[in-house]
Structure formats: C-alpha cells, structure tokens
N, C-alpha and C. Protein backbone atom coordinates (compact mmCIF):
# COMPACT_ATOMS: atom_id res chain seq x y z
N MET A 1 10.05 186.57 69.87
CA MET A 1 10.95 186.16 70.94
C MET A 1 12.37 186.12 70.41
N PRO A 2 13.33 186.74 71.13
CA PRO A 2 14.70 186.81 70.64
C PRO A 2 15.32 185.43 70.59
N SER A 3 16.22 185.28 69.64
CA SER A 3 16.94 184.01 69.53
C SER A 3 17.97 183.91 70.64
N GLN A 4 18.44 182.69 70.89
CA GLN A 4 19.44 182.45 71.94
C GLN A 4 20.71 183.23 71.64
N SER A 5 21.12 183.31 70.37
CA SER A 5 22.36 184.01 70.05
C SER A 5 22.23 185.51 70.33
N ARG A 6 21.06 186.09 70.11
CA ARG A 6 20.84 187.51 70.42
C ARG A 6 20.92 187.74 71.93
N LYS A 7 20.31 186.85 72.73
CA LYS A 7 20.39 186.95 74.19
C LYS A 7 21.83 186.82 74.64
N THR A 8 22.58 185.94 74.02
CA THR A 8 23.97 185.72 74.39
C THR A 8 24.79 186.98 74.13
N ARG A 9 24.48 187.70 73.04
CA ARG A 9 25.20 188.94 72.73
C ARG A 9 24.75 190.08 73.64
N THR A 10 23.47 190.11 74.02
CA THR A 10 22.91 191.21 74.80
C THR A 10 23.43 191.22 76.23
N VAL A 11 23.56 190.07 76.87
CA VAL A 11 24.01 190.01 78.26
C VAL A 11 25.42 190.59 78.43
N PRO A 12 26.41 190.18 77.61
CA PRO A 12 27.74 190.80 77.77
C PRO A 12 27.72 192.29 77.47
N LEU A 13 26.92 192.72 76.51
CA LEU A 13 26.84 194.14 76.18
C LEU A 13 26.26 194.92 77.36
N LEU A 14 25.21 194.38 77.98
CA LEU A 14 24.61 195.02 79.15
C LEU A 14 25.60 195.06 80.31
N ALA A 15 26.33 193.97 80.52
CA ALA A 15 27.32 193.93 81.60
C ALA A 15 28.42 194.96 81.34
N ALA A 16 28.87 195.09 80.10
CA ALA A 16 29.90 196.07 79.77
C ALA A 16 29.39 197.49 79.99
N LEU A 17 28.12 197.74 79.62
CA LEU A 17 27.53 199.06 79.83
C LEU A 17 27.45 199.39 81.32
N LEU A 18 26.99 198.44 82.13
CA LEU A 18 26.91 198.68 83.58
C LEU A 18 28.29 198.91 84.18
N LEU A 19 29.28 198.18 83.72
CA LEU A 19 30.64 198.36 84.22
C LEU A 19 31.17 199.74 83.86
N SER A 20 30.91 200.19 82.62
CA SER A 20 31.38 201.52 82.23
C SER A 20 30.68 202.61 83.02
N LEU A 21 29.38 202.43 83.32
CA LEU A 21 28.66 203.42 84.13
C LEU A 21 29.21 203.48 85.55
N ALA A 22 29.68 202.36 86.07
CA ALA A 22 30.26 202.36 87.42
C ALA A 22 31.50 203.24 87.45
N PHE A 23 32.29 203.26 86.36
CA PHE A 23 33.48 204.10 86.32
C PHE A 23 33.13 205.57 86.14
N LEU A 24 31.96 205.86 85.57
CA LEU A 24 31.55 207.25 85.37
C LEU A 24 30.76 207.80 86.54
N ALA A 25 30.38 206.95 87.50
CA ALA A 25 29.59 207.40 88.65
C ALA A 25 30.38 208.40 89.46
N PRO A 26 29.72 209.36 90.11
CA PRO A 26 30.42 210.35 90.90
C PRO A 26 31.22 209.71 92.04
N ALA A 27 32.41 210.27 92.27
CA ALA A 27 33.22 209.82 93.40
C ALA A 27 32.69 210.48 94.66
N HIS A 28 32.73 209.79 95.76
CA HIS A 28 32.30 210.38 97.02
C HIS A 28 33.41 211.27 97.56
N ALA A 29 33.02 212.42 98.10
CA ALA A 29 34.00 213.38 98.61
C ALA A 29 34.87 212.76 99.69
N GLU A 30 34.33 211.80 100.45
CA GLU A 30 35.14 211.16 101.49
C GLU A 30 36.31 210.43 100.87
N SER A 31 36.17 209.94 99.64
CA SER A 31 37.27 209.29 98.98
C SER A 31 38.06 210.28 98.12
N ASP A 32 37.62 211.52 98.12
CA ASP A 32 38.29 212.57 97.36
C ASP A 32 39.07 213.44 98.35
N PRO A 33 40.36 213.17 98.53
CA PRO A 33 41.12 213.89 99.53
C PRO A 33 41.22 215.39 99.25
N LEU A 34 41.07 215.79 98.01
CA LEU A 34 41.16 217.22 97.69
C LEU A 34 39.96 217.99 98.24
N LEU A 35 38.73 217.54 98.00
CA LEU A 35 37.56 218.22 98.55
C LEU A 35 37.57 218.22 100.07
N ALA A 36 38.01 217.13 100.66
CA ALA A 36 38.02 217.02 102.12
C ALA A 36 38.93 218.07 102.77
N LYS A 37 39.93 218.56 102.05
CA LYS A 37 40.85 219.57 102.61
C LYS A 37 40.18 220.93 102.81
N PHE A 38 39.02 221.14 102.20
CA PHE A 38 38.32 222.43 102.33
C PHE A 38 37.26 222.42 103.42
N VAL A 39 37.07 221.30 104.10
CA VAL A 39 36.06 221.19 105.16
C VAL A 39 36.52 221.97 106.39
N GLY A 40 35.62 222.73 107.01
CA GLY A 40 35.93 223.45 108.24
C GLY A 40 35.39 224.87 108.22
N LYS A 41 35.75 225.61 109.27
CA LYS A 41 35.38 227.02 109.38
C LYS A 41 36.62 227.83 109.05
N TRP A 42 36.46 228.82 108.18
CA TRP A 42 37.59 229.56 107.63
C TRP A 42 37.38 231.07 107.73
N VAL A 43 38.49 231.79 107.88
CA VAL A 43 38.51 233.25 107.80
C VAL A 43 39.43 233.61 106.65
N GLY A 44 38.93 234.50 105.78
CA GLY A 44 39.72 234.90 104.62
C GLY A 44 40.00 236.38 104.60
N ARG A 45 41.16 236.71 104.04
CA ARG A 45 41.55 238.12 103.91
C ARG A 45 42.29 238.26 102.59
N GLY A 46 41.95 239.32 101.84
CA GLY A 46 42.61 239.52 100.56
C GLY A 46 42.15 240.79 99.88
N THR A 47 42.18 240.76 98.54
CA THR A 47 41.81 241.93 97.76
C THR A 47 40.69 241.59 96.78
N TYR A 48 39.94 242.63 96.41
CA TYR A 48 38.84 242.51 95.46
C TYR A 48 38.87 243.74 94.55
N LYS A 49 38.66 243.51 93.24
CA LYS A 49 38.54 244.60 92.26
C LYS A 49 37.27 244.38 91.47
N ALA A 50 36.46 245.42 91.33
CA ALA A 50 35.20 245.31 90.60
C ALA A 50 35.37 245.45 89.09
N SER A 51 36.48 246.07 88.66
CA SER A 51 36.70 246.30 87.23
C SER A 51 38.21 246.35 86.96
N PRO A 52 38.60 246.27 85.69
CA PRO A 52 40.03 246.26 85.37
C PRO A 52 40.78 247.49 85.89
N ASN A 53 40.14 248.64 85.85
CA ASN A 53 40.79 249.87 86.30
C ASN A 53 40.41 250.27 87.72
N GLY A 54 39.62 249.41 88.37
CA GLY A 54 39.18 249.70 89.74
C GLY A 54 40.32 249.58 90.74
N LYS A 55 40.17 250.31 91.82
CA LYS A 55 41.16 250.26 92.89
C LYS A 55 40.93 248.99 93.71
N PRO A 56 41.99 248.22 93.99
CA PRO A 56 41.81 247.02 94.83
C PRO A 56 41.34 247.42 96.23
N GLU A 57 40.35 246.70 96.72
CA GLU A 57 39.83 246.92 98.07
C GLU A 57 40.14 245.71 98.93
N MET A 58 40.29 245.93 100.23
CA MET A 58 40.46 244.82 101.15
C MET A 58 39.12 244.11 101.31
N VAL A 59 39.16 242.79 101.30
CA VAL A 59 37.96 241.99 101.51
C VAL A 59 38.25 241.01 102.65
N TYR A 60 37.24 240.82 103.47
CA TYR A 60 37.31 239.90 104.61
C TYR A 60 36.15 238.92 104.49
N CYS A 61 36.41 237.64 104.72
CA CYS A 61 35.38 236.61 104.60
C CYS A 61 35.38 235.69 105.81
N SER A 62 34.22 235.16 106.08
CA SER A 62 34.05 234.12 107.09
C SER A 62 33.15 233.06 106.46
N VAL A 63 33.69 231.85 106.29
CA VAL A 63 32.92 230.80 105.62
C VAL A 63 33.01 229.48 106.39
N SER A 64 32.00 228.66 106.15
CA SER A 64 31.96 227.32 106.72
C SER A 64 31.73 226.35 105.57
N ASN A 65 32.59 225.35 105.47
CA ASN A 65 32.49 224.33 104.42
C ASN A 65 32.22 222.98 105.06
N LYS A 66 31.25 222.25 104.50
CA LYS A 66 30.94 220.92 105.04
C LYS A 66 30.61 219.96 103.91
N LEU A 67 30.82 218.68 104.17
CA LEU A 67 30.44 217.65 103.21
C LEU A 67 28.93 217.48 103.23
N ALA A 68 28.34 217.19 102.07
CA ALA A 68 26.90 217.00 101.94
C ALA A 68 26.64 215.89 100.93
N ASP A 69 25.37 215.59 100.73
CA ASP A 69 24.95 214.58 99.75
C ASP A 69 25.70 213.27 99.93
N GLY A 70 25.73 212.80 101.16
CA GLY A 70 26.40 211.54 101.44
C GLY A 70 27.90 211.60 101.24
N GLY A 71 28.48 212.79 101.33
CA GLY A 71 29.92 212.94 101.15
C GLY A 71 30.34 213.20 99.73
N ASN A 72 29.39 213.35 98.81
CA ASN A 72 29.69 213.58 97.40
C ASN A 72 29.93 215.05 97.08
N SER A 73 29.48 215.96 97.94
CA SER A 73 29.57 217.39 97.65
C SER A 73 30.15 218.16 98.83
N LEU A 74 30.68 219.32 98.54
CA LEU A 74 31.16 220.25 99.55
C LEU A 74 30.27 221.48 99.47
N GLU A 75 29.62 221.83 100.57
CA GLU A 75 28.76 223.02 100.61
C GLU A 75 29.47 224.13 101.38
N GLN A 76 29.31 225.35 100.89
CA GLN A 76 29.94 226.52 101.51
C GLN A 76 28.86 227.54 101.83
N SER A 77 28.97 228.15 103.01
CA SER A 77 28.09 229.26 103.34
C SER A 77 28.89 230.25 104.17
N GLY A 78 28.53 231.51 104.07
CA GLY A 78 29.23 232.53 104.84
C GLY A 78 28.97 233.91 104.28
N ARG A 79 29.94 234.80 104.51
CA ARG A 79 29.80 236.16 104.00
C ARG A 79 31.17 236.78 103.80
N CYS A 80 31.20 237.76 102.92
CA CYS A 80 32.41 238.54 102.67
C CYS A 80 32.05 240.01 102.79
N ALA A 81 33.01 240.80 103.25
CA ALA A 81 32.75 242.23 103.47
C ALA A 81 33.87 243.08 102.88
N LEU A 82 33.46 244.18 102.27
CA LEU A 82 34.37 245.24 101.84
C LEU A 82 34.23 246.37 102.85
N SER A 83 34.92 247.47 102.65
CA SER A 83 34.85 248.56 103.62
C SER A 83 33.45 249.15 103.76
N ASP A 84 32.65 249.14 102.66
CA ASP A 84 31.35 249.79 102.71
C ASP A 84 30.15 248.86 102.50
N LYS A 85 30.38 247.57 102.29
CA LYS A 85 29.25 246.66 102.10
C LYS A 85 29.67 245.22 102.37
N PHE A 86 28.66 244.38 102.55
CA PHE A 86 28.94 242.95 102.74
C PHE A 86 27.89 242.16 101.98
N GLY A 87 28.18 240.90 101.75
CA GLY A 87 27.23 240.04 101.06
C GLY A 87 27.39 238.59 101.47
N ARG A 88 26.30 237.88 101.41
CA ARG A 88 26.30 236.45 101.71
C ARG A 88 26.88 235.70 100.52
N ILE A 89 27.52 234.60 100.81
CA ILE A 89 28.00 233.70 99.77
C ILE A 89 27.54 232.29 100.11
N SER A 90 27.28 231.53 99.09
CA SER A 90 26.96 230.12 99.28
C SER A 90 27.36 229.39 98.01
N GLY A 91 27.71 228.14 98.17
CA GLY A 91 28.12 227.38 97.01
C GLY A 91 28.08 225.90 97.26
N LYS A 92 28.21 225.16 96.20
CA LYS A 92 28.23 223.71 96.28
C LYS A 92 29.12 223.18 95.17
N ILE A 93 30.10 222.36 95.55
CA ILE A 93 31.00 221.71 94.60
C ILE A 93 30.75 220.22 94.71
N THR A 94 30.54 219.58 93.57
CA THR A 94 30.31 218.14 93.56
C THR A 94 31.42 217.44 92.79
N ALA A 95 31.98 216.40 93.40
CA ALA A 95 32.99 215.58 92.74
C ALA A 95 32.29 214.66 91.76
N ARG A 96 32.76 214.63 90.52
CA ARG A 96 32.18 213.78 89.49
C ARG A 96 33.08 212.62 89.12
N GLY A 97 34.18 212.48 89.83
CA GLY A 97 35.12 211.40 89.56
C GLY A 97 36.17 211.80 88.54
N LEU A 98 37.27 211.07 88.55
CA LEU A 98 38.37 211.30 87.61
C LEU A 98 38.86 212.75 87.62
N GLY A 99 38.84 213.40 88.79
CA GLY A 99 39.33 214.76 88.92
C GLY A 99 38.42 215.83 88.37
N GLN A 100 37.16 215.49 88.09
CA GLN A 100 36.19 216.44 87.54
C GLN A 100 35.29 216.96 88.66
N TYR A 101 35.02 218.28 88.65
CA TYR A 101 34.18 218.93 89.65
C TYR A 101 33.23 219.88 88.95
N GLU A 102 32.06 220.07 89.57
CA GLU A 102 31.11 221.06 89.06
C GLU A 102 30.25 221.56 90.20
N GLY A 103 29.59 222.68 89.97
CA GLY A 103 28.73 223.22 91.02
C GLY A 103 28.27 224.62 90.73
N SER A 104 27.95 225.32 91.81
CA SER A 104 27.47 226.70 91.69
C SER A 104 27.99 227.51 92.86
N LEU A 105 28.05 228.82 92.64
CA LEU A 105 28.52 229.74 93.67
C LEU A 105 27.69 231.01 93.58
N GLN A 106 27.06 231.36 94.68
CA GLN A 106 26.25 232.58 94.77
C GLN A 106 27.03 233.61 95.58
N SER A 107 27.18 234.82 95.02
CA SER A 107 27.89 235.86 95.75
C SER A 107 27.25 237.21 95.47
N ALA A 108 27.73 238.22 96.17
CA ALA A 108 27.18 239.57 96.01
C ALA A 108 27.53 240.18 94.65
N SER A 109 28.50 239.61 93.94
CA SER A 109 28.89 240.19 92.65
C SER A 109 28.18 239.55 91.46
N THR A 110 27.27 238.59 91.71
CA THR A 110 26.55 237.96 90.62
C THR A 110 25.04 238.08 90.82
N ILE A 111 24.33 238.05 89.71
CA ILE A 111 22.87 237.95 89.76
C ILE A 111 22.60 236.46 89.57
N GLY A 112 22.07 235.84 90.59
CA GLY A 112 21.90 234.39 90.54
C GLY A 112 23.25 233.71 90.72
N PRO A 113 23.26 232.41 90.62
CA PRO A 113 24.51 231.69 90.87
C PRO A 113 25.45 231.71 89.66
N ALA A 114 26.73 231.61 89.95
CA ALA A 114 27.72 231.35 88.92
C ALA A 114 27.78 229.84 88.77
N TRP A 115 27.78 229.35 87.55
CA TRP A 115 27.89 227.91 87.30
C TRP A 115 29.35 227.60 87.05
N ILE A 116 29.88 226.63 87.77
CA ILE A 116 31.31 226.33 87.70
C ILE A 116 31.53 224.86 87.32
N ALA A 117 32.59 224.64 86.55
CA ALA A 117 33.00 223.28 86.19
C ALA A 117 34.50 223.32 85.98
N GLY A 118 35.17 222.26 86.43
CA GLY A 118 36.61 222.26 86.26
C GLY A 118 37.25 220.95 86.66
N THR A 119 38.56 221.02 86.80
CA THR A 119 39.35 219.84 87.13
C THR A 119 40.23 220.14 88.33
N GLY A 120 40.62 219.07 89.01
CA GLY A 120 41.47 219.23 90.17
C GLY A 120 42.46 218.10 90.32
N ARG A 121 43.60 218.44 90.91
CA ARG A 121 44.62 217.45 91.27
C ARG A 121 45.73 218.16 92.01
N ASP A 122 46.51 217.41 92.75
CA ASP A 122 47.68 217.93 93.45
C ASP A 122 47.39 219.18 94.28
N GLY A 123 46.27 219.21 95.00
CA GLY A 123 45.95 220.34 95.88
C GLY A 123 45.42 221.57 95.17
N HIS A 124 44.94 221.44 93.93
CA HIS A 124 44.51 222.59 93.15
C HIS A 124 43.27 222.22 92.33
N ILE A 125 42.22 223.04 92.44
CA ILE A 125 41.04 222.89 91.58
C ILE A 125 40.90 224.18 90.79
N GLU A 126 40.74 224.05 89.49
CA GLU A 126 40.54 225.23 88.64
C GLU A 126 39.21 225.10 87.92
N PHE A 127 38.37 226.13 88.11
CA PHE A 127 37.02 226.16 87.55
C PHE A 127 36.91 227.21 86.46
N ASN A 128 36.09 226.92 85.48
CA ASN A 128 35.60 227.94 84.56
C ASN A 128 34.22 228.31 85.09
N ALA A 129 33.97 229.60 85.27
CA ALA A 129 32.71 230.07 85.83
C ALA A 129 31.96 230.91 84.80
N GLN A 130 30.65 230.74 84.76
CA GLN A 130 29.77 231.54 83.91
C GLN A 130 28.70 232.14 84.81
N PHE A 131 28.42 233.43 84.64
CA PHE A 131 27.48 234.11 85.54
C PHE A 131 26.95 235.36 84.87
N THR A 132 25.99 236.01 85.55
CA THR A 132 25.53 237.34 85.15
C THR A 132 26.10 238.31 86.16
N ASP A 133 26.88 239.26 85.67
CA ASP A 133 27.55 240.25 86.52
C ASP A 133 26.53 241.22 87.10
N ARG A 134 26.56 241.41 88.41
CA ARG A 134 25.60 242.29 89.08
C ARG A 134 25.78 243.76 88.66
N MET A 135 27.01 244.19 88.46
CA MET A 135 27.27 245.59 88.13
C MET A 135 26.87 245.93 86.69
N THR A 136 27.23 245.07 85.73
CA THR A 136 26.95 245.37 84.32
C THR A 136 25.64 244.74 83.83
N ARG A 137 25.14 243.75 84.58
CA ARG A 137 23.96 242.98 84.20
C ARG A 137 24.16 242.23 82.89
N LYS A 138 25.41 241.92 82.58
CA LYS A 138 25.74 241.18 81.36
C LYS A 138 26.38 239.85 81.73
N PRO A 139 26.33 238.88 80.80
CA PRO A 139 27.00 237.61 81.05
C PRO A 139 28.50 237.84 81.26
N GLY A 140 29.06 237.10 82.18
CA GLY A 140 30.49 237.20 82.45
C GLY A 140 31.10 235.83 82.66
N GLY A 141 32.40 235.83 82.72
CA GLY A 141 33.11 234.58 82.95
C GLY A 141 34.34 234.83 83.78
N ALA A 142 34.82 233.79 84.42
CA ALA A 142 36.02 233.90 85.25
C ALA A 142 36.68 232.52 85.35
N ILE A 143 37.94 232.55 85.67
CA ILE A 143 38.66 231.34 86.06
C ILE A 143 38.87 231.45 87.56
N ILE A 144 38.31 230.50 88.29
CA ILE A 144 38.41 230.50 89.75
C ILE A 144 39.33 229.36 90.16
N SER A 145 40.34 229.67 90.95
CA SER A 145 41.28 228.65 91.41
C SER A 145 41.22 228.52 92.92
N LEU A 146 41.18 227.30 93.39
CA LEU A 146 41.30 226.97 94.81
C LEU A 146 42.59 226.18 94.97
N VAL A 147 43.51 226.69 95.78
CA VAL A 147 44.80 226.04 95.96
C VAL A 147 45.03 225.81 97.45
N VAL A 148 45.26 224.56 97.81
CA VAL A 148 45.53 224.19 99.20
C VAL A 148 46.96 224.61 99.54
N ALA A 149 47.13 225.31 100.68
CA ALA A 149 48.46 225.74 101.12
C ALA A 149 49.17 224.57 101.79
N GLU A 150 50.48 224.53 101.66
CA GLU A 150 51.27 223.45 102.25
C GLU A 150 51.13 223.40 103.77
N LYS A 151 51.02 224.55 104.42
CA LYS A 151 50.95 224.59 105.89
C LYS A 151 49.52 224.78 106.38
N GLY A 152 48.55 224.37 105.59
CA GLY A 152 47.14 224.52 105.97
C GLY A 152 46.54 225.76 105.35
N GLY A 153 45.25 225.77 105.24
CA GLY A 153 44.55 226.87 104.62
C GLY A 153 44.46 226.69 103.12
N TYR A 154 43.88 227.70 102.47
CA TYR A 154 43.80 227.67 101.01
C TYR A 154 43.70 229.08 100.46
N ARG A 155 43.93 229.19 99.17
CA ARG A 155 43.89 230.48 98.48
C ARG A 155 42.86 230.40 97.36
N LEU A 156 42.02 231.41 97.26
CA LEU A 156 41.02 231.51 96.20
C LEU A 156 41.36 232.72 95.34
N THR A 157 41.53 232.50 94.06
CA THR A 157 41.73 233.62 93.14
C THR A 157 40.66 233.53 92.05
N SER A 158 40.23 234.68 91.60
CA SER A 158 39.25 234.76 90.53
C SER A 158 39.79 235.73 89.47
N ASN A 159 40.03 235.21 88.28
CA ASN A 159 40.49 236.03 87.16
C ASN A 159 39.32 236.27 86.22
N ALA A 160 38.88 237.53 86.13
CA ALA A 160 37.77 237.87 85.24
C ALA A 160 38.22 237.70 83.80
N LEU A 161 37.32 237.17 82.97
CA LEU A 161 37.63 236.95 81.57
C LEU A 161 37.08 238.08 80.72
N GLY A 162 37.80 238.44 79.69
CA GLY A 162 37.32 239.42 78.73
C GLY A 162 36.39 238.77 77.72
N ALA A 163 35.87 239.55 76.79
CA ALA A 163 34.97 239.04 75.76
C ALA A 163 35.64 237.98 74.90
N ASP A 164 36.97 238.03 74.83
CA ASP A 164 37.72 237.04 74.04
C ASP A 164 37.96 235.73 74.79
N GLY A 165 37.50 235.66 76.05
CA GLY A 165 37.66 234.45 76.84
C GLY A 165 39.01 234.33 77.53
N LYS A 166 39.84 235.36 77.42
CA LYS A 166 41.16 235.35 78.06
C LYS A 166 41.11 236.16 79.35
N PRO A 167 41.95 235.78 80.35
CA PRO A 167 41.97 236.54 81.61
C PRO A 167 42.24 238.02 81.37
N LYS A 168 41.40 238.85 82.01
CA LYS A 168 41.47 240.30 81.84
C LYS A 168 42.09 240.99 83.06
N PHE A 169 41.68 240.55 84.28
CA PHE A 169 42.24 241.12 85.50
C PHE A 169 41.92 240.19 86.67
N VAL A 170 42.68 240.34 87.75
CA VAL A 170 42.45 239.56 88.97
C VAL A 170 41.35 240.26 89.74
N ALA A 171 40.18 239.64 89.82
CA ALA A 171 39.03 240.24 90.51
C ALA A 171 39.13 240.02 92.01
N SER A 172 39.63 238.85 92.43
CA SER A 172 39.80 238.61 93.86
C SER A 172 40.97 237.67 94.09
N ASP A 173 41.60 237.87 95.23
CA ASP A 173 42.72 237.04 95.68
C ASP A 173 42.62 236.99 97.20
N ILE A 174 42.14 235.86 97.73
CA ILE A 174 41.83 235.75 99.15
C ILE A 174 42.51 234.51 99.74
N VAL A 175 43.19 234.69 100.86
CA VAL A 175 43.83 233.58 101.56
C VAL A 175 42.98 233.24 102.78
N PHE A 176 42.64 231.95 102.92
CA PHE A 176 41.81 231.48 104.03
C PHE A 176 42.63 230.67 105.01
N THR A 177 42.40 230.95 106.29
CA THR A 177 43.03 230.16 107.37
C THR A 177 41.91 229.57 108.22
N GLN A 178 42.17 228.41 108.79
CA GLN A 178 41.13 227.75 109.56
C GLN A 178 40.96 228.41 110.91
N GLN A 179 39.70 228.56 111.34
CA GLN A 179 39.37 229.15 112.65
C GLN A 179 39.65 228.17 113.74
C-alpha cells in the first residue's frame, strides 16, 4: 500500500498531466475560424501540370466542403476536370489545435490518399504532402497551400517537390469562388 506522501505527490502529478492533455486536445473546427472559412460549395478554375516540362492545362473543379466529426474536421468531396479527363477528389482536414492540421486528400493524380500535415494562421494553411504518384508509381511529395482571399473564396496551389525535398514546379494553381 502506498504511503501518504507518495499519494500526495501522485495526485498533483496526475492533475498536471490531465491539464497538459487538455491543452493538447484537438480544437473544434467551430472554434477554428480558419477551417470554417472553407465551408460551402465552390467552383474552381486554374492550371495543372503533370510534370516539370509539361504544358499547363486548364483545370475546372466543383467541390463541397462541410464540417464533420462534431466540428473538428473539414471534409471535401467533388471532382476536377481537364480537357480530356476528370477525376473525383475527396479529403479530410482535422484541426489538432495550436494552428496544427493534418489529414488526407484523394485525387486522380495519386494512388491512394496523399497524407498531409501542416500549420495555419492568418488565412493560410500550408501542408507537406506525401503520396504515391499515379503517373510514375513512385513516392512523391508536395507543398500544398490554401489561402483565403480577402474578398471571399480561396486559392489552392500545389508545388511538387524534387528528390531533394525542394519545390520543383507548380503542379496546380486553382482559385475557388463560392457557388
């Protein structure tokens, strides 16, 4: 049986641990004004490049973003089209608190989902993405940025990373306006 002094030390330690876990608990998207700005039905138009030397193509998207998981996550579903093909997209971004976000994004350019993690503040979330490239069937990476526009809407850019981990080319640049 533990001594009284050990119990006395254990209770404050347990209380401190529980308090620290409360600060690390995920923030709810409803209290996260940045995620809430992406909620709605959106139409996107921009450019897409499949490779560094590829010709930029026009891309058109239609997506719907909604809060999920009790307001802790933002789910996206929709599709994007190029001149000769289209593909479904889906994703989920979860707020982890203290400006930290993580999730996944499924698109026509990846085999399976891209895993994303990043930080956000001041109307901008920047993710590091890891995925398997559909065209090369090799692991790939990108920096994906979501930037809220001052007059509404948002911009999504994806910078493909080279083997050295540095941006190699702009793979997509799409501006979304609310429907």
